[in-house]
Amino acid sequence: MIGRIAGRLEYRATDHVLIDVRGVGYLVYVSDRTLASMPGEGEAVALFTDLLVREDLLQLFGFPTMLEKEWHRLLMTVQGVGARASMAILGVLGAEGVSRSIALGDARSIQAAPGVGPKIAQRVVLELKSKAPSVMAMGGREAEAPVLEDEPTPAAAPKRRTPAAPTRAGNTADALSALANLGYAPGDAAAAVAMTASELPDADTTTLIRMSLRRLAPKD
């Protein structure tokens, strides 16, 4: 299984890229969103990958984060959702958008992907809603695939890595964890955090927790 590709971007097409890894070119299919965020030709690039194996076909699909790769794998478990439909959904919504849409039961957002009808969109929400909290929580533990770095020479000093800044996915995961520790059901917590994150996309962890608690508070 090929789980990650790191090399140089040779060229890009409308739905795939060619990545050169030490002289071997890998054809990797990516979503529109991922394609738009990739560097220029000749630059270093890295993607997490999922290999689709069929009797007459081998295809690599690439993702900027493990969170997106996990959603791709889960989307493909839904009847009627193939690799291309999954990539279309991720291309429109991104990993965090898919997390919010499924947690909130928002089938209309899923249906916005090209080729995804209302029945399949509803099926995606119904079958994956219970899995949304655990996948959303992955956001705090994963990062983008690191790009290929040149090997340092013996005389070179080791590079110091600065701590990564908090990400939206990380803030969401931390908020989910906090609500779970307070005893809220995973599904209720995920829906509250997803709605808050949708309304306040730049909210930090503290704000997400506070506003989500307001949503979860019993209504008079």
N, C-alpha and C. Protein backbone atom coordinates (compact mmCIF):
# COMPACT_ATOMS: atom_id res chain seq x y z
N MET A 1 0.84 -1.20 0.00
CA MET A 1 0.00 0.00 0.00
C MET A 1 0.88 1.25 0.00
N ILE A 2 0.58 2.18 -0.89
CA ILE A 2 1.30 3.44 -0.96
C ILE A 2 0.50 4.46 -0.14
N GLY A 3 1.06 4.88 0.99
CA GLY A 3 0.33 5.76 1.89
C GLY A 3 0.71 7.23 1.81
N ARG A 4 1.86 7.51 1.17
CA ARG A 4 2.32 8.90 1.10
C ARG A 4 3.30 9.04 -0.06
N ILE A 5 3.20 10.16 -0.76
CA ILE A 5 4.09 10.48 -1.87
C ILE A 5 4.75 11.82 -1.58
N ALA A 6 6.07 11.87 -1.72
CA ALA A 6 6.80 13.13 -1.54
C ALA A 6 7.85 13.25 -2.64
N GLY A 7 7.81 14.34 -3.38
CA GLY A 7 8.77 14.51 -4.47
C GLY A 7 8.63 15.88 -5.10
N ARG A 8 8.81 15.92 -6.43
CA ARG A 8 8.72 17.18 -7.17
C ARG A 8 7.54 17.13 -8.13
N LEU A 9 6.80 18.22 -8.18
CA LEU A 9 5.65 18.29 -9.07
C LEU A 9 6.12 18.48 -10.51
N GLU A 10 5.82 17.49 -11.35
CA GLU A 10 6.25 17.55 -12.75
C GLU A 10 5.23 18.28 -13.62
N TYR A 11 3.96 17.92 -13.48
CA TYR A 11 2.93 18.65 -14.21
C TYR A 11 1.58 18.41 -13.55
N ARG A 12 0.64 19.26 -13.90
CA ARG A 12 -0.72 19.12 -13.38
C ARG A 12 -1.72 19.12 -14.53
N ALA A 13 -2.75 18.30 -14.41
CA ALA A 13 -3.83 18.25 -15.39
C ALA A 13 -5.10 18.75 -14.70
N THR A 14 -6.26 18.46 -15.28
CA THR A 14 -7.51 18.97 -14.69
C THR A 14 -7.92 18.21 -13.44
N ASP A 15 -7.51 16.95 -13.32
CA ASP A 15 -7.94 16.16 -12.16
C ASP A 15 -6.81 15.33 -11.54
N HIS A 16 -5.59 15.50 -12.03
CA HIS A 16 -4.47 14.73 -11.48
C HIS A 16 -3.16 15.48 -11.66
N VAL A 17 -2.14 14.99 -10.95
CA VAL A 17 -0.80 15.56 -11.05
C VAL A 17 0.20 14.42 -11.22
N LEU A 18 1.37 14.77 -11.72
CA LEU A 18 2.46 13.80 -11.81
C LEU A 18 3.55 14.25 -10.85
N ILE A 19 3.91 13.37 -9.90
CA ILE A 19 4.92 13.69 -8.91
C ILE A 19 6.13 12.78 -9.14
N ASP A 20 7.30 13.40 -9.33
CA ASP A 20 8.53 12.66 -9.53
C ASP A 20 9.17 12.36 -8.17
N VAL A 21 9.35 11.06 -7.89
CA VAL A 21 9.98 10.63 -6.64
C VAL A 21 11.25 9.87 -6.99
N ARG A 22 12.38 10.56 -6.93
CA ARG A 22 13.68 9.96 -7.23
C ARG A 22 13.69 9.25 -8.58
N GLY A 23 13.14 9.91 -9.59
CA GLY A 23 13.17 9.38 -10.94
C GLY A 23 11.97 8.55 -11.34
N VAL A 24 11.06 8.27 -10.40
CA VAL A 24 9.85 7.51 -10.71
C VAL A 24 8.65 8.46 -10.64
N GLY A 25 7.86 8.49 -11.72
CA GLY A 25 6.72 9.39 -11.76
C GLY A 25 5.44 8.71 -11.31
N TYR A 26 4.76 9.32 -10.35
CA TYR A 26 3.50 8.77 -9.84
C TYR A 26 2.36 9.69 -10.27
N LEU A 27 1.35 9.09 -10.90
CA LEU A 27 0.16 9.81 -11.30
C LEU A 27 -0.83 9.77 -10.14
N VAL A 28 -1.19 10.94 -9.62
CA VAL A 28 -2.03 11.01 -8.42
C VAL A 28 -3.26 11.88 -8.72
N TYR A 29 -4.44 11.32 -8.50
CA TYR A 29 -5.68 12.06 -8.71
C TYR A 29 -6.01 12.87 -7.46
N VAL A 30 -6.40 14.11 -7.67
CA VAL A 30 -6.67 15.01 -6.55
C VAL A 30 -7.97 15.77 -6.80
N SER A 31 -8.52 16.35 -5.73
CA SER A 31 -9.74 17.15 -5.86
C SER A 31 -9.40 18.52 -6.42
N ASP A 32 -10.43 19.25 -6.86
CA ASP A 32 -10.22 20.60 -7.37
C ASP A 32 -9.60 21.50 -6.31
N ARG A 33 -10.05 21.34 -5.08
CA ARG A 33 -9.54 22.16 -3.98
C ARG A 33 -8.05 21.90 -3.74
N THR A 34 -7.67 20.62 -3.74
CA THR A 34 -6.27 20.27 -3.53
C THR A 34 -5.41 20.75 -4.68
N LEU A 35 -5.91 20.58 -5.90
CA LEU A 35 -5.16 21.00 -7.08
C LEU A 35 -4.87 22.50 -7.04
N ALA A 36 -5.86 23.28 -6.61
CA ALA A 36 -5.70 24.73 -6.57
C ALA A 36 -4.67 25.17 -5.54
N SER A 37 -4.46 24.34 -4.52
CA SER A 37 -3.55 24.73 -3.43
C SER A 37 -2.12 24.22 -3.62
N MET A 38 -1.89 23.46 -4.69
CA MET A 38 -0.57 22.87 -4.89
C MET A 38 0.42 23.88 -5.44
N PRO A 39 1.72 23.66 -5.19
CA PRO A 39 2.76 24.60 -5.66
C PRO A 39 2.96 24.52 -7.17
N GLY A 40 3.89 25.32 -7.66
CA GLY A 40 4.17 25.33 -9.09
C GLY A 40 4.99 24.13 -9.53
N GLU A 41 5.05 23.92 -10.82
CA GLU A 41 5.82 22.80 -11.36
C GLU A 41 7.29 22.93 -11.00
N GLY A 42 7.90 21.80 -10.63
CA GLY A 42 9.29 21.80 -10.23
C GLY A 42 9.50 21.99 -8.74
N GLU A 43 8.45 22.33 -8.02
CA GLU A 43 8.57 22.56 -6.58
C GLU A 43 8.28 21.29 -5.79
N ALA A 44 8.74 21.28 -4.53
CA ALA A 44 8.53 20.11 -3.66
C ALA A 44 7.06 20.01 -3.27
N VAL A 45 6.58 18.79 -3.20
CA VAL A 45 5.18 18.56 -2.84
C VAL A 45 5.05 17.21 -2.15
N ALA A 46 4.06 17.09 -1.28
CA ALA A 46 3.81 15.82 -0.60
C ALA A 46 2.31 15.65 -0.40
N LEU A 47 1.84 14.43 -0.57
CA LEU A 47 0.43 14.12 -0.39
C LEU A 47 0.29 12.77 0.32
N PHE A 48 -0.70 12.67 1.19
CA PHE A 48 -1.10 11.35 1.67
C PHE A 48 -1.91 10.70 0.55
N THR A 49 -1.81 9.41 0.41
CA THR A 49 -2.44 8.75 -0.73
C THR A 49 -3.26 7.54 -0.32
N ASP A 50 -4.21 7.22 -1.18
CA ASP A 50 -5.02 6.02 -1.02
C ASP A 50 -5.04 5.32 -2.37
N LEU A 51 -4.72 4.04 -2.38
CA LEU A 51 -4.62 3.28 -3.62
C LEU A 51 -5.91 2.52 -3.89
N LEU A 52 -6.54 2.80 -5.01
CA LEU A 52 -7.74 2.09 -5.44
C LEU A 52 -7.32 0.94 -6.33
N VAL A 53 -7.68 -0.29 -5.96
CA VAL A 53 -7.28 -1.48 -6.69
C VAL A 53 -8.51 -2.17 -7.27
N ARG A 54 -8.51 -2.32 -8.58
CA ARG A 54 -9.55 -3.08 -9.26
C ARG A 54 -8.88 -4.07 -10.21
N GLU A 55 -9.65 -4.96 -10.78
CA GLU A 55 -9.07 -5.98 -11.66
C GLU A 55 -8.33 -5.35 -12.82
N ASP A 56 -8.88 -4.27 -13.37
CA ASP A 56 -8.28 -3.66 -14.56
C ASP A 56 -7.76 -2.26 -14.31
N LEU A 57 -7.58 -1.89 -13.04
CA LEU A 57 -7.24 -0.50 -12.76
C LEU A 57 -6.51 -0.34 -11.43
N LEU A 58 -5.48 0.49 -11.43
CA LEU A 58 -4.81 0.92 -10.21
C LEU A 58 -4.76 2.44 -10.25
N GLN A 59 -5.34 3.09 -9.23
CA GLN A 59 -5.36 4.55 -9.20
C GLN A 59 -4.96 5.05 -7.83
N LEU A 60 -4.10 6.07 -7.83
CA LEU A 60 -3.70 6.72 -6.58
C LEU A 60 -4.49 8.01 -6.43
N PHE A 61 -5.05 8.22 -5.24
CA PHE A 61 -5.76 9.46 -4.93
C PHE A 61 -4.99 10.17 -3.83
N GLY A 62 -4.80 11.48 -3.99
CA GLY A 62 -3.96 12.23 -3.06
C GLY A 62 -4.72 13.23 -2.22
N PHE A 63 -4.22 13.45 -0.98
CA PHE A 63 -4.89 14.32 -0.02
C PHE A 63 -3.85 15.12 0.77
N PRO A 64 -4.12 16.39 1.04
CA PRO A 64 -3.15 17.20 1.78
C PRO A 64 -3.03 16.84 3.25
N THR A 65 -4.08 16.23 3.83
CA THR A 65 -4.05 15.87 5.25
C THR A 65 -4.61 14.46 5.45
N MET A 66 -4.26 13.87 6.58
CA MET A 66 -4.81 12.56 6.93
C MET A 66 -6.31 12.65 7.20
N LEU A 67 -6.76 13.80 7.70
CA LEU A 67 -8.18 14.00 7.96
C LEU A 67 -8.98 13.85 6.67
N GLU A 68 -8.49 14.46 5.60
CA GLU A 68 -9.19 14.37 4.32
C GLU A 68 -9.13 12.95 3.76
N LYS A 69 -8.00 12.30 3.94
CA LYS A 69 -7.88 10.92 3.47
C LYS A 69 -8.87 10.02 4.21
N GLU A 70 -9.02 10.22 5.50
CA GLU A 70 -9.95 9.40 6.28
C GLU A 70 -11.39 9.62 5.83
N TRP A 71 -11.75 10.87 5.54
CA TRP A 71 -13.10 11.11 5.03
C TRP A 71 -13.31 10.45 3.67
N HIS A 72 -12.30 10.47 2.85
CA HIS A 72 -12.40 9.80 1.54
C HIS A 72 -12.69 8.32 1.73
N ARG A 73 -11.98 7.69 2.63
CA ARG A 73 -12.18 6.26 2.86
C ARG A 73 -13.57 5.97 3.42
N LEU A 74 -14.05 6.84 4.29
CA LEU A 74 -15.39 6.64 4.86
C LEU A 74 -16.48 6.92 3.83
N LEU A 75 -16.31 7.96 3.04
CA LEU A 75 -17.30 8.27 2.00
C LEU A 75 -17.45 7.10 1.03
N MET A 76 -16.34 6.43 0.75
CA MET A 76 -16.38 5.31 -0.20
C MET A 76 -17.12 4.10 0.36
N THR A 77 -17.36 4.05 1.67
CA THR A 77 -18.10 2.93 2.25
C THR A 77 -19.61 3.09 2.04
N VAL A 78 -20.05 4.27 1.65
CA VAL A 78 -21.47 4.53 1.42
C VAL A 78 -21.86 4.03 0.04
N GLN A 79 -22.92 3.25 -0.01
CA GLN A 79 -23.37 2.71 -1.29
C GLN A 79 -23.70 3.84 -2.27
N GLY A 80 -23.15 3.74 -3.45
CA GLY A 80 -23.39 4.75 -4.47
C GLY A 80 -22.34 5.83 -4.53
N VAL A 81 -21.40 5.82 -3.58
CA VAL A 81 -20.32 6.82 -3.57
C VAL A 81 -19.02 6.14 -3.98
N GLY A 82 -18.57 6.43 -5.18
CA GLY A 82 -17.28 5.91 -5.64
C GLY A 82 -16.18 6.91 -5.40
N ALA A 83 -15.01 6.60 -5.91
CA ALA A 83 -13.85 7.47 -5.68
C ALA A 83 -14.07 8.87 -6.26
N ARG A 84 -14.63 8.95 -7.43
CA ARG A 84 -14.80 10.26 -8.06
C ARG A 84 -15.86 11.09 -7.33
N ALA A 85 -16.93 10.45 -6.87
CA ALA A 85 -17.94 11.19 -6.11
C ALA A 85 -17.36 11.68 -4.79
N SER A 86 -16.56 10.84 -4.16
CA SER A 86 -15.91 11.24 -2.92
C SER A 86 -15.00 12.45 -3.14
N MET A 87 -14.21 12.41 -4.21
CA MET A 87 -13.31 13.52 -4.51
C MET A 87 -14.10 14.79 -4.85
N ALA A 88 -15.26 14.61 -5.48
CA ALA A 88 -16.10 15.77 -5.81
C ALA A 88 -16.63 16.42 -4.53
N ILE A 89 -17.05 15.60 -3.58
CA ILE A 89 -17.55 16.12 -2.30
C ILE A 89 -16.45 16.86 -1.56
N LEU A 90 -15.27 16.25 -1.50
CA LEU A 90 -14.14 16.88 -0.81
C LEU A 90 -13.67 18.13 -1.55
N GLY A 91 -13.79 18.11 -2.87
CA GLY A 91 -13.39 19.27 -3.65
C GLY A 91 -14.27 20.48 -3.38
N VAL A 92 -15.55 20.24 -3.12
CA VAL A 92 -16.48 21.34 -2.86
C VAL A 92 -16.40 21.81 -1.40
N LEU A 93 -16.31 20.86 -0.48
CA LEU A 93 -16.42 21.19 0.95
C LEU A 93 -15.11 21.18 1.71
N GLY A 94 -14.13 20.40 1.25
CA GLY A 94 -12.92 20.22 2.05
C GLY A 94 -13.21 19.30 3.23
N ALA A 95 -12.16 18.86 3.91
CA ALA A 95 -12.34 17.91 5.01
C ALA A 95 -13.16 18.51 6.14
N GLU A 96 -12.87 19.74 6.53
CA GLU A 96 -13.61 20.35 7.64
C GLU A 96 -15.05 20.63 7.25
N GLY A 97 -15.29 21.00 5.99
CA GLY A 97 -16.65 21.22 5.54
C GLY A 97 -17.47 19.94 5.54
N VAL A 98 -16.85 18.84 5.13
CA VAL A 98 -17.54 17.55 5.18
C VAL A 98 -17.86 17.19 6.63
N SER A 99 -16.92 17.43 7.53
CA SER A 99 -17.14 17.14 8.95
C SER A 99 -18.36 17.91 9.46
N ARG A 100 -18.41 19.20 9.18
CA ARG A 100 -19.52 20.01 9.66
C ARG A 100 -20.84 19.59 9.04
N SER A 101 -20.84 19.37 7.73
CA SER A 101 -22.08 19.01 7.04
C SER A 101 -22.67 17.71 7.56
N ILE A 102 -21.82 16.72 7.76
CA ILE A 102 -22.31 15.42 8.24
C ILE A 102 -22.73 15.51 9.70
N ALA A 103 -21.96 16.22 10.51
CA ALA A 103 -22.32 16.37 11.93
C ALA A 103 -23.66 17.08 12.10
N LEU A 104 -23.93 18.03 11.20
CA LEU A 104 -25.17 18.79 11.28
C LEU A 104 -26.32 18.15 10.51
N GLY A 105 -26.04 17.06 9.81
CA GLY A 105 -27.08 16.42 9.01
C GLY A 105 -27.47 17.25 7.80
N ASP A 106 -26.54 18.04 7.28
CA ASP A 106 -26.81 18.95 6.17
C ASP A 106 -26.57 18.25 4.84
N ALA A 107 -27.57 17.55 4.35
CA ALA A 107 -27.45 16.83 3.09
C ALA A 107 -27.36 17.77 1.90
N ARG A 108 -27.92 18.96 2.02
CA ARG A 108 -27.89 19.91 0.90
C ARG A 108 -26.45 20.30 0.54
N SER A 109 -25.61 20.44 1.55
CA SER A 109 -24.21 20.79 1.27
C SER A 109 -23.51 19.66 0.53
N ILE A 110 -23.78 18.43 0.94
CA ILE A 110 -23.19 17.27 0.26
C ILE A 110 -23.68 17.21 -1.18
N GLN A 111 -24.95 17.53 -1.38
CA GLN A 111 -25.54 17.47 -2.71
C GLN A 111 -24.96 18.52 -3.65
N ALA A 112 -24.29 19.52 -3.11
CA ALA A 112 -23.70 20.56 -3.95
C ALA A 112 -22.55 20.03 -4.81
N ALA A 113 -22.01 18.86 -4.45
CA ALA A 113 -20.92 18.28 -5.23
C ALA A 113 -21.44 17.77 -6.57
N PRO A 114 -20.72 18.01 -7.65
CA PRO A 114 -21.16 17.54 -8.98
C PRO A 114 -21.37 16.02 -9.00
N GLY A 115 -22.51 15.61 -9.54
CA GLY A 115 -22.79 14.19 -9.68
C GLY A 115 -23.37 13.51 -8.45
N VAL A 116 -23.60 14.27 -7.38
CA VAL A 116 -24.16 13.70 -6.15
C VAL A 116 -25.62 14.14 -6.02
N GLY A 117 -26.53 13.18 -6.12
CA GLY A 117 -27.95 13.48 -6.04
C GLY A 117 -28.46 13.51 -4.61
N PRO A 118 -29.73 13.89 -4.44
CA PRO A 118 -30.29 14.01 -3.09
C PRO A 118 -30.34 12.70 -2.31
N LYS A 119 -30.60 11.60 -2.98
CA LYS A 119 -30.67 10.32 -2.27
C LYS A 119 -29.31 9.91 -1.73
N ILE A 120 -28.29 10.05 -2.55
CA ILE A 120 -26.94 9.69 -2.11
C ILE A 120 -26.47 10.64 -1.01
N ALA A 121 -26.77 11.92 -1.16
CA ALA A 121 -26.38 12.90 -0.14
C ALA A 121 -27.02 12.56 1.21
N GLN A 122 -28.30 12.21 1.18
CA GLN A 122 -28.99 11.84 2.41
C GLN A 122 -28.40 10.57 3.01
N ARG A 123 -28.04 9.64 2.15
CA ARG A 123 -27.44 8.39 2.62
C ARG A 123 -26.09 8.64 3.28
N VAL A 124 -25.31 9.55 2.70
CA VAL A 124 -24.01 9.90 3.28
C VAL A 124 -24.19 10.41 4.70
N VAL A 125 -25.14 11.32 4.88
CA VAL A 125 -25.37 11.91 6.20
C VAL A 125 -25.85 10.86 7.20
N LEU A 126 -26.80 10.04 6.79
CA LEU A 126 -27.37 9.05 7.70
C LEU A 126 -26.35 7.99 8.12
N GLU A 127 -25.54 7.55 7.15
CA GLU A 127 -24.61 6.45 7.45
C GLU A 127 -23.34 6.90 8.15
N LEU A 128 -22.95 8.17 7.99
CA LEU A 128 -21.68 8.61 8.53
C LEU A 128 -21.80 9.56 9.72
N LYS A 129 -23.02 9.96 10.07
CA LYS A 129 -23.17 10.94 11.15
C LYS A 129 -22.60 10.45 12.47
N SER A 130 -22.77 9.17 12.76
CA SER A 130 -22.25 8.64 14.03
C SER A 130 -20.73 8.60 14.06
N LYS A 131 -20.11 8.64 12.88
CA LYS A 131 -18.65 8.58 12.81
C LYS A 131 -18.00 9.96 12.77
N ALA A 132 -18.81 11.00 12.58
CA ALA A 132 -18.27 12.35 12.45
C ALA A 132 -17.45 12.81 13.65
N PRO A 133 -17.92 12.58 14.91
CA PRO A 133 -17.13 13.08 16.04
C PRO A 133 -15.71 12.53 16.10
N SER A 134 -15.54 11.23 15.86
CA SER A 134 -14.20 10.65 15.95
C SER A 134 -13.31 11.15 14.82
N VAL A 135 -13.87 11.36 13.64
CA VAL A 135 -13.07 11.85 12.52
C VAL A 135 -12.71 13.32 12.74
N MET A 136 -13.67 14.09 13.24
CA MET A 136 -13.40 15.50 13.53
C MET A 136 -12.28 15.63 14.57
N ALA A 137 -12.25 14.70 15.52
CA ALA A 137 -11.23 14.75 16.57
C ALA A 137 -9.83 14.47 16.03
N MET A 138 -9.74 13.85 14.86
CA MET A 138 -8.44 13.61 14.24
C MET A 138 -7.74 14.92 13.90
N GLY A 139 -8.52 15.98 13.72
CA GLY A 139 -7.96 17.25 13.32
C GLY A 139 -6.89 17.78 14.25
N GLY A 140 -7.01 17.45 15.54
CA GLY A 140 -6.03 17.93 16.50
C GLY A 140 -4.77 17.11 16.52
N ARG A 141 -4.77 15.97 15.83
CA ARG A 141 -3.61 15.09 15.89
C ARG A 141 -2.87 14.99 14.57
N GLU A 142 -3.40 15.63 13.53
CA GLU A 142 -2.75 15.48 12.23
C GLU A 142 -2.34 16.82 11.66
N ALA A 143 -1.45 16.75 10.70
CA ALA A 143 -0.98 17.96 10.02
C ALA A 143 -0.88 17.66 8.54
N GLU A 144 -0.53 18.66 7.78
CA GLU A 144 -0.33 18.45 6.35
C GLU A 144 0.86 17.53 6.12
N ALA A 145 0.83 16.83 5.01
CA ALA A 145 1.95 15.95 4.67
C ALA A 145 3.20 16.80 4.48
N PRO A 146 4.29 16.52 5.22
CA PRO A 146 5.51 17.33 5.08
C PRO A 146 6.13 17.15 3.71
N VAL A 147 6.65 18.23 3.16
CA VAL A 147 7.27 18.15 1.84
C VAL A 147 8.66 17.53 1.97
N LEU A 148 9.17 17.09 0.84
CA LEU A 148 10.49 16.45 0.80
C LEU A 148 11.57 17.47 1.11
N GLU A 149 12.45 17.13 2.02
CA GLU A 149 13.56 18.01 2.37
C GLU A 149 14.87 17.35 1.97
N ASP A 150 15.83 18.17 1.56
CA ASP A 150 17.14 17.63 1.22
C ASP A 150 17.85 17.11 2.46
N GLU A 151 18.62 16.04 2.28
CA GLU A 151 19.38 15.49 3.40
C GLU A 151 20.47 16.47 3.81
N PRO A 152 20.63 16.76 5.12
CA PRO A 152 21.67 17.70 5.53
C PRO A 152 23.05 17.09 5.38
N THR A 153 24.04 17.93 5.10
CA THR A 153 25.42 17.45 5.03
C THR A 153 25.91 17.22 6.45
N PRO A 154 26.99 16.40 6.63
CA PRO A 154 27.48 16.13 7.98
C PRO A 154 27.81 17.40 8.76
N ALA A 155 28.25 18.46 8.08
CA ALA A 155 28.64 19.67 8.80
C ALA A 155 27.47 20.59 9.08
N ALA A 156 26.33 20.28 8.48
CA ALA A 156 25.20 21.18 8.62
C ALA A 156 24.58 21.05 10.01
N ALA A 157 24.17 22.17 10.55
CA ALA A 157 23.51 22.14 11.85
C ALA A 157 22.08 21.66 11.70
N PRO A 158 21.58 20.92 12.67
CA PRO A 158 20.20 20.46 12.58
C PRO A 158 19.22 21.62 12.58
N LYS A 159 18.17 21.49 11.78
CA LYS A 159 17.18 22.55 11.69
C LYS A 159 16.24 22.49 12.89
N ARG A 160 15.93 23.66 13.42
CA ARG A 160 14.99 23.73 14.52
C ARG A 160 13.60 23.93 13.97
N ARG A 161 12.68 23.18 14.49
CA ARG A 161 11.30 23.29 14.03
C ARG A 161 10.52 24.12 15.03
N THR A 162 9.81 25.09 14.51
CA THR A 162 8.97 25.90 15.38
C THR A 162 7.64 25.21 15.57
N PRO A 163 7.04 25.33 16.75
CA PRO A 163 5.76 24.70 16.99
C PRO A 163 4.72 25.18 16.00
N ALA A 164 3.88 24.26 15.54
CA ALA A 164 2.84 24.62 14.58
C ALA A 164 1.77 25.47 15.26
N ALA A 165 1.28 26.45 14.52
CA ALA A 165 0.21 27.29 15.05
C ALA A 165 -1.07 26.49 15.12
N PRO A 166 -1.95 26.84 16.05
CA PRO A 166 -3.23 26.12 16.14
C PRO A 166 -4.00 26.22 14.83
N THR A 167 -4.62 25.15 14.43
CA THR A 167 -5.41 25.14 13.21
C THR A 167 -6.89 25.07 13.55
N ARG A 168 -7.73 25.36 12.56
CA ARG A 168 -9.17 25.25 12.80
C ARG A 168 -9.54 23.82 13.19
N ALA A 169 -8.94 22.86 12.50
CA ALA A 169 -9.23 21.46 12.81
C ALA A 169 -8.77 21.12 14.22
N GLY A 170 -7.62 21.66 14.60
CA GLY A 170 -7.11 21.40 15.94
C GLY A 170 -8.00 22.02 17.00
N ASN A 171 -8.47 23.24 16.76
CA ASN A 171 -9.38 23.89 17.71
C ASN A 171 -10.68 23.11 17.84
N THR A 172 -11.18 22.62 16.71
CA THR A 172 -12.41 21.83 16.72
C THR A 172 -12.21 20.54 17.53
N ALA A 173 -11.09 19.88 17.30
CA ALA A 173 -10.82 18.63 18.02
C ALA A 173 -10.70 18.88 19.51
N ASP A 174 -10.03 19.96 19.90
CA ASP A 174 -9.88 20.27 21.32
C ASP A 174 -11.23 20.59 21.96
N ALA A 175 -12.08 21.29 21.22
CA ALA A 175 -13.41 21.61 21.75
C ALA A 175 -14.24 20.34 21.92
N LEU A 176 -14.17 19.44 20.95
CA LEU A 176 -14.88 18.17 21.05
C LEU A 176 -14.42 17.38 22.26
N SER A 177 -13.12 17.35 22.47
CA SER A 177 -12.56 16.62 23.61
C SER A 177 -13.05 17.21 24.92
N ALA A 178 -13.08 18.53 25.00
CA ALA A 178 -13.52 19.18 26.23
C ALA A 178 -14.99 18.88 26.51
N LEU A 179 -15.82 18.93 25.49
CA LEU A 179 -17.25 18.65 25.68
C LEU A 179 -17.48 17.19 26.06
N ALA A 180 -16.67 16.29 25.48
CA ALA A 180 -16.79 14.88 25.84
C ALA A 180 -16.42 14.68 27.31
N ASN A 181 -15.39 15.39 27.77
CA ASN A 181 -14.98 15.28 29.17
C ASN A 181 -16.04 15.82 30.11
N LEU A 182 -16.89 16.72 29.59
CA LEU A 182 -17.98 17.26 30.40
C LEU A 182 -19.21 16.36 30.39
N GLY A 183 -19.13 15.28 29.62
CA GLY A 183 -20.22 14.29 29.63
C GLY A 183 -21.22 14.41 28.51
N TYR A 184 -20.99 15.28 27.54
CA TYR A 184 -21.95 15.40 26.45
C TYR A 184 -21.77 14.26 25.46
N ALA A 185 -22.88 13.82 24.87
CA ALA A 185 -22.85 12.74 23.89
C ALA A 185 -22.06 13.18 22.66
N PRO A 186 -21.27 12.28 22.05
CA PRO A 186 -20.44 12.66 20.90
C PRO A 186 -21.22 13.33 19.77
N GLY A 187 -22.39 12.78 19.45
CA GLY A 187 -23.17 13.35 18.36
C GLY A 187 -23.65 14.75 18.66
N ASP A 188 -24.13 14.98 19.90
CA ASP A 188 -24.60 16.31 20.29
C ASP A 188 -23.44 17.31 20.29
N ALA A 189 -22.31 16.88 20.83
CA ALA A 189 -21.14 17.75 20.89
C ALA A 189 -20.66 18.11 19.49
N ALA A 190 -20.60 17.12 18.60
CA ALA A 190 -20.13 17.36 17.24
C ALA A 190 -21.04 18.35 16.51
N ALA A 191 -22.35 18.19 16.68
CA ALA A 191 -23.28 19.10 16.01
C ALA A 191 -23.13 20.52 16.53
N ALA A 192 -22.98 20.68 17.84
CA ALA A 192 -22.84 22.01 18.43
C ALA A 192 -21.54 22.67 17.98
N VAL A 193 -20.45 21.93 18.00
CA VAL A 193 -19.16 22.49 17.60
C VAL A 193 -19.16 22.81 16.10
N ALA A 194 -19.74 21.93 15.31
CA ALA A 194 -19.79 22.16 13.86
C ALA A 194 -20.58 23.42 13.53
N MET A 195 -21.71 23.61 14.20
CA MET A 195 -22.52 24.80 13.94
C MET A 195 -21.79 26.06 14.38
N THR A 196 -21.13 25.99 15.52
CA THR A 196 -20.38 27.15 16.00
C THR A 196 -19.22 27.48 15.06
N ALA A 197 -18.49 26.44 14.64
CA ALA A 197 -17.37 26.65 13.73
C ALA A 197 -17.82 27.20 12.40
N SER A 198 -19.01 26.82 11.97
CA SER A 198 -19.54 27.32 10.70
C SER A 198 -19.86 28.81 10.80
N GLU A 199 -20.41 29.22 11.94
CA GLU A 199 -20.78 30.62 12.13
C GLU A 199 -19.58 31.50 12.49
N LEU A 200 -18.60 30.89 13.22
CA LEU A 200 -17.42 31.63 13.66
C LEU A 200 -16.16 30.89 13.20
N PRO A 201 -15.83 30.96 11.91
CA PRO A 201 -14.72 30.17 11.37
C PRO A 201 -13.36 30.48 11.98
N ASP A 202 -13.19 31.67 12.56
CA ASP A 202 -11.90 32.05 13.15
C ASP A 202 -11.87 31.89 14.67
N ALA A 203 -12.89 31.23 15.21
CA ALA A 203 -12.97 31.09 16.66
C ALA A 203 -11.86 30.19 17.20
N ASP A 204 -11.30 30.58 18.35
CA ASP A 204 -10.30 29.72 18.99
C ASP A 204 -11.01 28.66 19.82
N THR A 205 -10.22 27.80 20.47
CA THR A 205 -10.80 26.69 21.21
C THR A 205 -11.73 27.16 22.31
N THR A 206 -11.30 28.17 23.05
CA THR A 206 -12.10 28.66 24.16
C THR A 206 -13.46 29.17 23.69
N THR A 207 -13.46 29.91 22.58
CA THR A 207 -14.72 30.43 22.05
C THR A 207 -15.60 29.31 21.54
N LEU A 208 -15.00 28.33 20.89
CA LEU A 208 -15.79 27.19 20.41
C LEU A 208 -16.47 26.47 21.57
N ILE A 209 -15.74 26.26 22.65
CA ILE A 209 -16.30 25.56 23.80
C ILE A 209 -17.43 26.39 24.42
N ARG A 210 -17.18 27.68 24.63
CA ARG A 210 -18.17 28.54 25.28
C ARG A 210 -19.46 28.62 24.46
N MET A 211 -19.33 28.87 23.17
CA MET A 211 -20.52 29.00 22.33
C MET A 211 -21.24 27.67 22.13
N SER A 212 -20.48 26.59 22.08
CA SER A 212 -21.10 25.27 21.95
C SER A 212 -21.88 24.91 23.21
N LEU A 213 -21.33 25.27 24.36
CA LEU A 213 -22.04 25.02 25.62
C LEU A 213 -23.37 25.77 25.66
N ARG A 214 -23.40 26.97 25.12
CA ARG A 214 -24.65 27.72 25.06
C ARG A 214 -25.68 27.00 24.21
N ARG A 215 -25.21 26.40 23.12
CA ARG A 215 -26.13 25.67 22.25
C ARG A 215 -26.64 24.40 22.93
N LEU A 216 -25.80 23.80 23.74
CA LEU A 216 -26.16 22.55 24.40
C LEU A 216 -26.95 22.75 25.69
N ALA A 217 -27.00 23.99 26.17
CA ALA A 217 -27.71 24.26 27.42
C ALA A 217 -29.20 23.99 27.25
N PRO A 218 -29.84 23.41 28.27
CA PRO A 218 -31.30 23.14 28.18
C PRO A 218 -32.08 24.43 27.92
N LYS A 219 -33.02 24.33 27.02
CA LYS A 219 -33.85 25.50 26.69
C LYS A 219 -35.07 25.53 27.61
N ASP A 220 -35.39 26.72 28.12
CA ASP A 220 -36.56 26.86 29.00
C ASP A 220 -37.84 26.68 28.20
